[in-house]
Amino acid sequence: MKNIFLASLVFLLFFRGSSVFEVEGYKPVYVPKDETKVIKVLPPRDITTQGKIYVKGNYIFIGDVNLGVHVVDNTDPRNPKKVAFIQIYGNHDIAVKDNMLYADNLDDLVTLDISDIQNPVLIKRIEKVYKLPNQHYPEDLPFRTWFECPDPSKGLVVGWIPAMIENPGCYTSY
């Protein structure tokens, strides 16, 4: 009996073929480390994950979790117009006072002069004010959810997207 078990085990180990399985889960979105602290203005785009909203004068600032801030001209409330997207990786929170926008950029606090909304200027960066955002797993996932294990060599994780994943190595079990 022992020999049959051992022979079966050896057969399974060497002749199992390719055992690829695919499941719904989440994949990390990476940004190369050298680009994570670069703040730039881009054309308007759709919101991925809405964050905080701040109103200042005729403008509405809408956070897009981990990605940046959408700027909307609300001069005509019946016809608001998207005017820009300020890319600030790792952003979760914003505040505006006078012509200054304050935002977190991963573990830094940045101050931008938004007098000219199309050309914000980085005025100040205070490094390592915050704890670096979680890089190990997607937060707030339901129990028993698969996700692709992050690979730090690909850069910093700035978000997670739903995807079909082959042979995921990570699973929420809390």
N, C-alpha and C. Protein backbone atom coordinates (compact mmCIF):
# COMPACT_ATOMS: atom_id res chain seq x y z
N MET A 1 0.82 -1.20 0.00
CA MET A 1 0.00 0.00 0.00
C MET A 1 0.87 1.26 0.00
N LYS A 2 1.94 1.20 0.79
CA LYS A 2 2.85 2.34 0.88
C LYS A 2 3.46 2.63 -0.49
N ASN A 3 3.83 1.58 -1.23
CA ASN A 3 4.46 1.76 -2.55
C ASN A 3 3.49 2.38 -3.55
N ILE A 4 2.21 2.01 -3.49
CA ILE A 4 1.21 2.58 -4.40
C ILE A 4 1.04 4.07 -4.11
N PHE A 5 0.98 4.43 -2.83
CA PHE A 5 0.86 5.83 -2.44
C PHE A 5 2.07 6.62 -2.93
N LEU A 6 3.27 6.09 -2.70
CA LEU A 6 4.49 6.78 -3.10
C LEU A 6 4.55 6.93 -4.63
N ALA A 7 4.21 5.88 -5.35
CA ALA A 7 4.21 5.94 -6.82
C ALA A 7 3.19 6.97 -7.31
N SER A 8 2.02 7.03 -6.69
CA SER A 8 0.99 8.02 -7.07
C SER A 8 1.48 9.43 -6.82
N LEU A 9 2.14 9.64 -5.69
CA LEU A 9 2.65 10.96 -5.35
C LEU A 9 3.71 11.41 -6.36
N VAL A 10 4.62 10.51 -6.70
CA VAL A 10 5.67 10.83 -7.68
C VAL A 10 5.04 11.14 -9.03
N PHE A 11 4.05 10.35 -9.44
CA PHE A 11 3.36 10.58 -10.71
C PHE A 11 2.72 11.96 -10.73
N LEU A 12 2.02 12.31 -9.66
CA LEU A 12 1.35 13.62 -9.60
C LEU A 12 2.34 14.77 -9.63
N LEU A 13 3.46 14.62 -8.95
CA LEU A 13 4.45 15.69 -8.90
C LEU A 13 5.11 15.94 -10.26
N PHE A 14 5.38 14.87 -11.00
CA PHE A 14 6.11 15.03 -12.26
C PHE A 14 5.24 15.11 -13.51
N PHE A 15 4.02 14.62 -13.44
CA PHE A 15 3.19 14.56 -14.63
C PHE A 15 1.86 15.28 -14.48
N ARG A 16 1.85 16.30 -13.69
CA ARG A 16 0.59 17.01 -13.47
C ARG A 16 0.24 17.97 -14.59
N GLY A 17 1.17 18.22 -15.51
CA GLY A 17 0.90 19.16 -16.61
C GLY A 17 0.95 20.58 -16.08
N SER A 18 0.45 21.48 -16.89
CA SER A 18 0.45 22.86 -16.42
C SER A 18 -0.84 23.09 -15.63
N SER A 19 -0.66 23.45 -14.40
CA SER A 19 -1.83 23.65 -13.54
C SER A 19 -2.07 25.15 -13.37
N VAL A 20 -2.56 25.78 -14.41
CA VAL A 20 -2.86 27.20 -14.36
C VAL A 20 -4.33 27.36 -14.01
N PHE A 21 -4.59 28.19 -13.01
CA PHE A 21 -5.98 28.50 -12.72
C PHE A 21 -6.13 30.01 -12.71
N GLU A 22 -7.28 30.46 -13.15
CA GLU A 22 -7.54 31.88 -13.28
C GLU A 22 -8.75 32.24 -12.42
N VAL A 23 -8.63 33.33 -11.67
CA VAL A 23 -9.72 33.77 -10.80
C VAL A 23 -9.89 35.28 -10.92
N GLU A 24 -11.06 35.77 -10.52
CA GLU A 24 -11.28 37.21 -10.41
C GLU A 24 -10.59 37.69 -9.15
N GLY A 25 -9.93 38.81 -9.25
CA GLY A 25 -9.23 39.35 -8.10
C GLY A 25 -8.79 40.77 -8.37
N TYR A 26 -7.68 41.16 -7.77
CA TYR A 26 -7.16 42.52 -7.91
C TYR A 26 -5.68 42.48 -8.24
N LYS A 27 -5.29 43.39 -9.17
CA LYS A 27 -3.88 43.54 -9.55
C LYS A 27 -3.39 44.90 -9.08
N PRO A 28 -2.14 44.96 -8.62
CA PRO A 28 -1.60 46.25 -8.22
C PRO A 28 -1.31 47.14 -9.43
N VAL A 29 -1.46 48.45 -9.24
CA VAL A 29 -1.09 49.44 -10.25
C VAL A 29 0.23 50.04 -9.76
N TYR A 30 1.25 49.90 -10.57
CA TYR A 30 2.59 50.36 -10.19
C TYR A 30 2.96 51.67 -10.85
N VAL A 31 3.77 52.45 -10.15
CA VAL A 31 4.40 53.63 -10.71
C VAL A 31 5.88 53.51 -10.36
N PRO A 32 6.77 53.69 -11.35
CA PRO A 32 8.20 53.62 -11.04
C PRO A 32 8.55 54.60 -9.91
N LYS A 33 9.40 54.15 -9.01
CA LYS A 33 9.73 54.94 -7.82
C LYS A 33 10.18 56.36 -8.15
N ASP A 34 10.92 56.54 -9.24
CA ASP A 34 11.42 57.87 -9.58
C ASP A 34 10.33 58.81 -10.10
N GLU A 35 9.15 58.29 -10.40
CA GLU A 35 8.04 59.13 -10.88
C GLU A 35 7.01 59.45 -9.80
N THR A 36 7.09 58.82 -8.65
CA THR A 36 6.04 58.95 -7.64
C THR A 36 5.95 60.34 -7.01
N LYS A 37 7.01 61.08 -7.02
CA LYS A 37 7.00 62.41 -6.41
C LYS A 37 6.88 63.53 -7.44
N VAL A 38 6.69 63.16 -8.71
CA VAL A 38 6.53 64.15 -9.77
C VAL A 38 5.06 64.58 -9.82
N ILE A 39 4.82 65.87 -9.68
CA ILE A 39 3.46 66.41 -9.74
C ILE A 39 3.33 67.15 -11.06
N LYS A 40 2.27 66.82 -11.80
CA LYS A 40 2.09 67.50 -13.08
C LYS A 40 0.61 67.66 -13.40
N VAL A 41 0.33 68.64 -14.26
CA VAL A 41 -1.03 68.90 -14.70
C VAL A 41 -1.26 68.17 -16.02
N LEU A 42 -2.38 67.44 -16.05
CA LEU A 42 -2.74 66.67 -17.24
C LEU A 42 -4.12 67.12 -17.71
N PRO A 43 -4.50 66.75 -18.91
CA PRO A 43 -5.86 67.08 -19.36
C PRO A 43 -6.90 66.39 -18.46
N PRO A 44 -8.13 66.92 -18.46
CA PRO A 44 -9.19 66.29 -17.64
C PRO A 44 -9.39 64.83 -18.04
N ARG A 45 -9.80 64.03 -17.07
CA ARG A 45 -10.10 62.62 -17.33
C ARG A 45 -11.15 62.14 -16.35
N ASP A 46 -11.62 60.93 -16.57
CA ASP A 46 -12.65 60.37 -15.71
C ASP A 46 -12.09 60.04 -14.34
N ILE A 47 -12.96 60.10 -13.34
CA ILE A 47 -12.59 59.77 -11.97
C ILE A 47 -12.57 58.25 -11.83
N THR A 48 -11.52 57.74 -11.23
CA THR A 48 -11.39 56.31 -10.99
C THR A 48 -12.03 55.93 -9.66
N THR A 49 -11.55 56.53 -8.58
CA THR A 49 -12.08 56.28 -7.24
C THR A 49 -12.22 57.62 -6.53
N GLN A 50 -13.45 58.10 -6.42
CA GLN A 50 -13.67 59.43 -5.85
C GLN A 50 -13.24 59.49 -4.39
N GLY A 51 -12.55 60.58 -4.10
CA GLY A 51 -12.13 60.84 -2.73
C GLY A 51 -12.81 62.09 -2.22
N LYS A 52 -12.07 62.91 -1.51
CA LYS A 52 -12.60 64.12 -0.90
C LYS A 52 -12.96 65.17 -1.95
N ILE A 53 -13.91 66.02 -1.59
CA ILE A 53 -14.34 67.12 -2.46
C ILE A 53 -14.14 68.42 -1.71
N TYR A 54 -13.59 69.41 -2.40
CA TYR A 54 -13.34 70.71 -1.79
C TYR A 54 -13.80 71.78 -2.77
N VAL A 55 -14.54 72.76 -2.26
CA VAL A 55 -15.03 73.86 -3.10
C VAL A 55 -14.27 75.13 -2.71
N LYS A 56 -13.77 75.82 -3.72
CA LYS A 56 -13.05 77.09 -3.50
C LYS A 56 -13.42 78.03 -4.63
N GLY A 57 -14.18 79.06 -4.30
CA GLY A 57 -14.60 80.01 -5.33
C GLY A 57 -15.45 79.32 -6.37
N ASN A 58 -15.08 79.48 -7.63
CA ASN A 58 -15.80 78.84 -8.72
C ASN A 58 -15.26 77.46 -9.08
N TYR A 59 -14.34 76.95 -8.28
CA TYR A 59 -13.73 75.66 -8.60
C TYR A 59 -14.13 74.58 -7.60
N ILE A 60 -14.25 73.37 -8.13
CA ILE A 60 -14.46 72.19 -7.29
C ILE A 60 -13.24 71.31 -7.49
N PHE A 61 -12.63 70.89 -6.39
CA PHE A 61 -11.48 70.00 -6.41
C PHE A 61 -11.97 68.64 -5.92
N ILE A 62 -11.79 67.61 -6.75
CA ILE A 62 -12.26 66.28 -6.42
C ILE A 62 -11.07 65.33 -6.37
N GLY A 63 -10.82 64.78 -5.20
CA GLY A 63 -9.72 63.83 -5.07
C GLY A 63 -10.03 62.53 -5.80
N ASP A 64 -9.01 61.95 -6.40
CA ASP A 64 -9.10 60.63 -7.02
C ASP A 64 -8.07 59.78 -6.27
N VAL A 65 -8.56 58.91 -5.40
CA VAL A 65 -7.72 58.21 -4.43
C VAL A 65 -6.48 57.61 -5.08
N ASN A 66 -5.34 57.97 -4.52
CA ASN A 66 -4.01 57.51 -4.92
C ASN A 66 -3.49 58.11 -6.22
N LEU A 67 -4.32 58.88 -6.93
CA LEU A 67 -3.91 59.36 -8.25
C LEU A 67 -3.74 60.87 -8.35
N GLY A 68 -4.60 61.65 -7.68
CA GLY A 68 -4.49 63.09 -7.79
C GLY A 68 -5.79 63.82 -7.57
N VAL A 69 -5.91 64.99 -8.21
CA VAL A 69 -7.04 65.89 -7.97
C VAL A 69 -7.60 66.39 -9.30
N HIS A 70 -8.91 66.20 -9.47
CA HIS A 70 -9.62 66.73 -10.64
C HIS A 70 -10.05 68.15 -10.33
N VAL A 71 -9.94 69.04 -11.31
CA VAL A 71 -10.34 70.43 -11.14
C VAL A 71 -11.52 70.69 -12.07
N VAL A 72 -12.61 71.18 -11.49
CA VAL A 72 -13.84 71.44 -12.24
C VAL A 72 -14.20 72.92 -12.08
N ASP A 73 -14.43 73.59 -13.21
CA ASP A 73 -14.88 74.99 -13.19
C ASP A 73 -16.40 74.96 -13.02
N ASN A 74 -16.87 75.53 -11.91
CA ASN A 74 -18.30 75.52 -11.60
C ASN A 74 -18.91 76.92 -11.70
N THR A 75 -18.34 77.75 -12.57
CA THR A 75 -18.87 79.10 -12.76
C THR A 75 -20.35 79.05 -13.12
N ASP A 76 -20.71 78.10 -13.99
CA ASP A 76 -22.11 77.87 -14.32
C ASP A 76 -22.49 76.52 -13.72
N PRO A 77 -23.13 76.51 -12.55
CA PRO A 77 -23.45 75.24 -11.87
C PRO A 77 -24.30 74.29 -12.71
N ARG A 78 -25.03 74.81 -13.69
CA ARG A 78 -25.81 73.92 -14.56
C ARG A 78 -24.96 73.27 -15.64
N ASN A 79 -23.74 73.77 -15.79
CA ASN A 79 -22.85 73.25 -16.83
C ASN A 79 -21.39 73.25 -16.32
N PRO A 80 -21.08 72.44 -15.29
CA PRO A 80 -19.70 72.41 -14.80
C PRO A 80 -18.77 71.85 -15.86
N LYS A 81 -17.54 72.36 -15.90
CA LYS A 81 -16.58 71.92 -16.92
C LYS A 81 -15.30 71.41 -16.25
N LYS A 82 -14.91 70.20 -16.64
CA LYS A 82 -13.63 69.67 -16.18
C LYS A 82 -12.53 70.48 -16.86
N VAL A 83 -11.59 70.99 -16.08
CA VAL A 83 -10.54 71.81 -16.69
C VAL A 83 -9.15 71.19 -16.59
N ALA A 84 -8.91 70.34 -15.60
CA ALA A 84 -7.56 69.78 -15.45
C ALA A 84 -7.57 68.61 -14.48
N PHE A 85 -6.50 67.86 -14.52
CA PHE A 85 -6.24 66.82 -13.54
C PHE A 85 -4.82 67.04 -13.03
N ILE A 86 -4.67 67.22 -11.72
CA ILE A 86 -3.35 67.40 -11.13
C ILE A 86 -2.92 66.03 -10.59
N GLN A 87 -1.93 65.45 -11.25
CA GLN A 87 -1.45 64.13 -10.85
C GLN A 87 -0.59 64.24 -9.60
N ILE A 88 -1.06 63.61 -8.51
CA ILE A 88 -0.33 63.57 -7.25
C ILE A 88 -0.46 62.14 -6.74
N TYR A 89 0.53 61.31 -7.00
CA TYR A 89 0.44 59.91 -6.60
C TYR A 89 0.35 59.76 -5.09
N GLY A 90 -0.42 58.77 -4.66
CA GLY A 90 -0.57 58.49 -3.23
C GLY A 90 -1.44 59.49 -2.51
N ASN A 91 -2.20 60.29 -3.24
CA ASN A 91 -3.02 61.34 -2.63
C ASN A 91 -4.33 60.77 -2.07
N HIS A 92 -4.63 61.16 -0.82
CA HIS A 92 -5.89 60.78 -0.18
C HIS A 92 -6.65 61.99 0.34
N ASP A 93 -5.93 63.05 0.65
CA ASP A 93 -6.57 64.18 1.30
C ASP A 93 -6.09 65.49 0.68
N ILE A 94 -7.01 66.45 0.63
CA ILE A 94 -6.68 67.77 0.11
C ILE A 94 -7.32 68.83 0.97
N ALA A 95 -6.75 70.02 0.94
CA ALA A 95 -7.33 71.20 1.57
C ALA A 95 -6.89 72.40 0.74
N VAL A 96 -7.72 73.43 0.73
CA VAL A 96 -7.39 74.65 -0.01
C VAL A 96 -7.59 75.84 0.92
N LYS A 97 -6.61 76.72 0.93
CA LYS A 97 -6.73 77.97 1.68
C LYS A 97 -6.08 79.04 0.83
N ASP A 98 -6.83 80.15 0.66
CA ASP A 98 -6.39 81.22 -0.23
C ASP A 98 -6.11 80.60 -1.60
N ASN A 99 -4.90 80.76 -2.12
CA ASN A 99 -4.56 80.18 -3.42
C ASN A 99 -3.60 79.00 -3.29
N MET A 100 -3.65 78.33 -2.14
CA MET A 100 -2.76 77.20 -1.90
C MET A 100 -3.56 75.91 -1.76
N LEU A 101 -3.10 74.88 -2.46
CA LEU A 101 -3.68 73.54 -2.33
C LEU A 101 -2.69 72.70 -1.54
N TYR A 102 -3.16 72.08 -0.48
CA TYR A 102 -2.34 71.21 0.36
C TYR A 102 -2.78 69.78 0.09
N ALA A 103 -1.81 68.88 -0.12
CA ALA A 103 -2.15 67.50 -0.44
C ALA A 103 -1.05 66.56 0.04
N ASP A 104 -1.46 65.34 0.31
CA ASP A 104 -0.45 64.33 0.62
C ASP A 104 0.01 63.69 -0.70
N ASN A 105 1.30 63.47 -0.78
CA ASN A 105 1.93 62.83 -1.94
C ASN A 105 2.74 61.66 -1.38
N LEU A 106 2.05 60.49 -1.29
CA LEU A 106 2.60 59.33 -0.60
C LEU A 106 2.90 59.71 0.85
N ASP A 107 4.17 59.78 1.25
CA ASP A 107 4.47 60.10 2.64
C ASP A 107 4.86 61.57 2.85
N ASP A 108 4.72 62.40 1.82
CA ASP A 108 5.07 63.82 1.91
C ASP A 108 3.82 64.70 1.93
N LEU A 109 3.97 65.91 2.47
CA LEU A 109 2.94 66.95 2.40
C LEU A 109 3.45 67.98 1.39
N VAL A 110 2.61 68.28 0.39
CA VAL A 110 3.01 69.26 -0.63
C VAL A 110 2.07 70.45 -0.61
N THR A 111 2.61 71.62 -0.96
CA THR A 111 1.84 72.84 -1.09
C THR A 111 2.00 73.33 -2.52
N LEU A 112 0.84 73.54 -3.19
CA LEU A 112 0.85 74.02 -4.57
C LEU A 112 0.17 75.37 -4.63
N ASP A 113 0.78 76.32 -5.35
CA ASP A 113 0.14 77.60 -5.62
C ASP A 113 -0.78 77.39 -6.81
N ILE A 114 -2.09 77.58 -6.61
CA ILE A 114 -3.07 77.34 -7.67
C ILE A 114 -3.67 78.65 -8.19
N SER A 115 -2.92 79.76 -8.06
CA SER A 115 -3.39 81.04 -8.59
C SER A 115 -3.74 80.92 -10.06
N ASP A 116 -2.89 80.21 -10.82
CA ASP A 116 -3.17 79.89 -12.22
C ASP A 116 -3.46 78.39 -12.25
N ILE A 117 -4.74 78.05 -12.27
CA ILE A 117 -5.15 76.66 -12.11
C ILE A 117 -4.58 75.75 -13.20
N GLN A 118 -4.27 76.29 -14.37
CA GLN A 118 -3.68 75.48 -15.44
C GLN A 118 -2.18 75.26 -15.25
N ASN A 119 -1.59 76.04 -14.36
CA ASN A 119 -0.15 75.93 -14.11
C ASN A 119 0.15 76.00 -12.62
N PRO A 120 -0.31 75.01 -11.84
CA PRO A 120 0.01 75.04 -10.41
C PRO A 120 1.52 74.92 -10.22
N VAL A 121 2.01 75.55 -9.17
CA VAL A 121 3.44 75.56 -8.90
C VAL A 121 3.68 74.93 -7.53
N LEU A 122 4.59 73.97 -7.49
CA LEU A 122 4.97 73.36 -6.22
C LEU A 122 5.76 74.38 -5.42
N ILE A 123 5.20 74.78 -4.28
CA ILE A 123 5.83 75.79 -3.43
C ILE A 123 6.71 75.13 -2.37
N LYS A 124 6.19 74.04 -1.80
CA LYS A 124 6.93 73.41 -0.70
C LYS A 124 6.60 71.93 -0.62
N ARG A 125 7.58 71.16 -0.21
CA ARG A 125 7.41 69.74 0.05
C ARG A 125 8.04 69.45 1.41
N ILE A 126 7.24 68.89 2.31
CA ILE A 126 7.77 68.45 3.60
C ILE A 126 7.79 66.93 3.55
N GLU A 127 8.99 66.37 3.59
CA GLU A 127 9.14 64.93 3.39
C GLU A 127 8.85 64.13 4.66
N LYS A 128 8.33 62.93 4.43
CA LYS A 128 8.08 61.93 5.46
C LYS A 128 7.20 62.41 6.61
N VAL A 129 6.15 63.15 6.26
CA VAL A 129 5.18 63.61 7.26
C VAL A 129 4.24 62.46 7.63
N TYR A 130 3.92 61.64 6.65
CA TYR A 130 2.96 60.55 6.84
C TYR A 130 3.65 59.20 6.73
N LYS A 131 2.96 58.20 7.21
CA LYS A 131 3.41 56.83 7.01
C LYS A 131 3.17 56.48 5.55
N LEU A 132 4.12 55.82 4.91
CA LEU A 132 3.97 55.42 3.50
C LEU A 132 2.72 54.55 3.36
N PRO A 133 1.88 54.83 2.37
CA PRO A 133 0.67 54.02 2.20
C PRO A 133 0.98 52.54 2.03
N ASN A 134 0.01 51.73 2.40
CA ASN A 134 0.12 50.28 2.34
C ASN A 134 0.57 49.82 0.95
N GLN A 135 1.58 48.99 0.91
CA GLN A 135 2.10 48.45 -0.35
C GLN A 135 1.90 46.94 -0.46
N HIS A 136 1.28 46.33 0.55
CA HIS A 136 1.26 44.87 0.63
C HIS A 136 -0.03 44.20 0.18
N TYR A 137 -1.16 44.88 0.32
CA TYR A 137 -2.44 44.28 -0.03
C TYR A 137 -3.47 45.38 -0.25
N PRO A 138 -4.51 45.08 -1.02
CA PRO A 138 -5.58 46.07 -1.20
C PRO A 138 -6.40 46.18 0.08
N GLU A 139 -6.66 47.39 0.49
CA GLU A 139 -7.43 47.60 1.72
C GLU A 139 -8.92 47.46 1.45
N ASP A 140 -9.65 47.12 2.49
CA ASP A 140 -11.12 47.03 2.46
C ASP A 140 -11.66 46.02 1.46
N LEU A 141 -10.95 44.92 1.27
CA LEU A 141 -11.46 43.86 0.41
C LEU A 141 -12.32 42.90 1.21
N PRO A 142 -13.30 42.31 0.59
CA PRO A 142 -14.09 41.31 1.29
C PRO A 142 -13.25 40.08 1.66
N PHE A 143 -13.69 39.38 2.67
CA PHE A 143 -13.07 38.14 3.10
C PHE A 143 -13.02 37.17 1.93
N ARG A 144 -11.93 36.44 1.80
CA ARG A 144 -11.74 35.44 0.74
C ARG A 144 -11.69 36.04 -0.67
N THR A 145 -10.83 37.04 -0.83
CA THR A 145 -10.63 37.65 -2.14
C THR A 145 -9.19 37.42 -2.57
N TRP A 146 -9.00 37.02 -3.81
CA TRP A 146 -7.67 36.80 -4.37
C TRP A 146 -7.08 38.13 -4.85
N PHE A 147 -5.76 38.27 -4.74
CA PHE A 147 -5.07 39.41 -5.33
C PHE A 147 -3.66 39.00 -5.69
N GLU A 148 -3.11 39.71 -6.67
CA GLU A 148 -1.74 39.45 -7.11
C GLU A 148 -0.79 40.01 -6.06
N CYS A 149 0.13 39.20 -5.61
CA CYS A 149 1.10 39.67 -4.61
C CYS A 149 1.94 40.80 -5.22
N PRO A 150 2.10 41.91 -4.51
CA PRO A 150 2.90 43.02 -5.04
C PRO A 150 4.37 42.64 -5.21
N ASP A 151 5.00 43.23 -6.20
CA ASP A 151 6.41 43.02 -6.49
C ASP A 151 7.11 44.38 -6.40
N PRO A 152 7.81 44.66 -5.29
CA PRO A 152 8.46 45.97 -5.11
C PRO A 152 9.43 46.35 -6.22
N SER A 153 9.95 45.38 -6.95
CA SER A 153 10.89 45.71 -8.03
C SER A 153 10.19 46.42 -9.19
N LYS A 154 8.84 46.36 -9.25
CA LYS A 154 8.09 47.02 -10.32
C LYS A 154 7.74 48.46 -9.99
N GLY A 155 8.02 48.92 -8.78
CA GLY A 155 7.72 50.29 -8.37
C GLY A 155 6.83 50.31 -7.15
N LEU A 156 6.23 51.47 -6.89
CA LEU A 156 5.32 51.62 -5.75
C LEU A 156 3.89 51.36 -6.19
N VAL A 157 3.12 50.74 -5.31
CA VAL A 157 1.71 50.46 -5.59
C VAL A 157 0.91 51.72 -5.29
N VAL A 158 0.18 52.22 -6.31
CA VAL A 158 -0.63 53.43 -6.11
C VAL A 158 -2.12 53.12 -6.24
N GLY A 159 -2.45 51.87 -6.40
CA GLY A 159 -3.85 51.49 -6.49
C GLY A 159 -3.99 50.03 -6.87
N TRP A 160 -5.24 49.58 -6.90
CA TRP A 160 -5.56 48.19 -7.24
C TRP A 160 -6.73 48.19 -8.20
N ILE A 161 -6.67 47.33 -9.22
CA ILE A 161 -7.76 47.25 -10.18
C ILE A 161 -8.29 45.81 -10.25
N PRO A 162 -9.61 45.67 -10.44
CA PRO A 162 -10.17 44.34 -10.61
C PRO A 162 -9.64 43.73 -11.92
N ALA A 163 -9.33 42.43 -11.87
CA ALA A 163 -8.77 41.76 -13.06
C ALA A 163 -8.88 40.26 -12.90
N MET A 164 -8.76 39.56 -14.02
CA MET A 164 -8.61 38.11 -13.99
C MET A 164 -7.13 37.83 -13.75
N ILE A 165 -6.83 36.98 -12.77
CA ILE A 165 -5.45 36.75 -12.36
C ILE A 165 -5.13 35.26 -12.51
N GLU A 166 -3.98 34.98 -13.10
CA GLU A 166 -3.51 33.59 -13.21
C GLU A 166 -2.68 33.24 -11.99
N ASN A 167 -3.00 32.14 -11.39
CA ASN A 167 -2.26 31.61 -10.23
C ASN A 167 -1.91 32.67 -9.20
N PRO A 168 -2.90 33.38 -8.66
CA PRO A 168 -2.57 34.41 -7.68
C PRO A 168 -1.97 33.77 -6.43
N GLY A 169 -1.04 34.47 -5.84
CA GLY A 169 -0.38 33.92 -4.66
C GLY A 169 -0.89 34.50 -3.36
N CYS A 170 -1.77 35.47 -3.43
CA CYS A 170 -2.21 36.13 -2.21
C CYS A 170 -3.74 36.11 -2.10
N TYR A 171 -4.20 36.09 -0.86
CA TYR A 171 -5.61 35.85 -0.58
C TYR A 171 -5.97 36.53 0.74
N THR A 172 -7.09 37.21 0.80
CA THR A 172 -7.50 37.81 2.08
C THR A 172 -8.14 36.74 2.94
N SER A 173 -7.65 36.62 4.14
CA SER A 173 -8.18 35.57 5.00
C SER A 173 -8.51 36.08 6.40
N TYR A 174 -8.67 37.37 6.53
CA TYR A 174 -8.97 37.91 7.86
C TYR A 174 -10.43 37.90 8.13
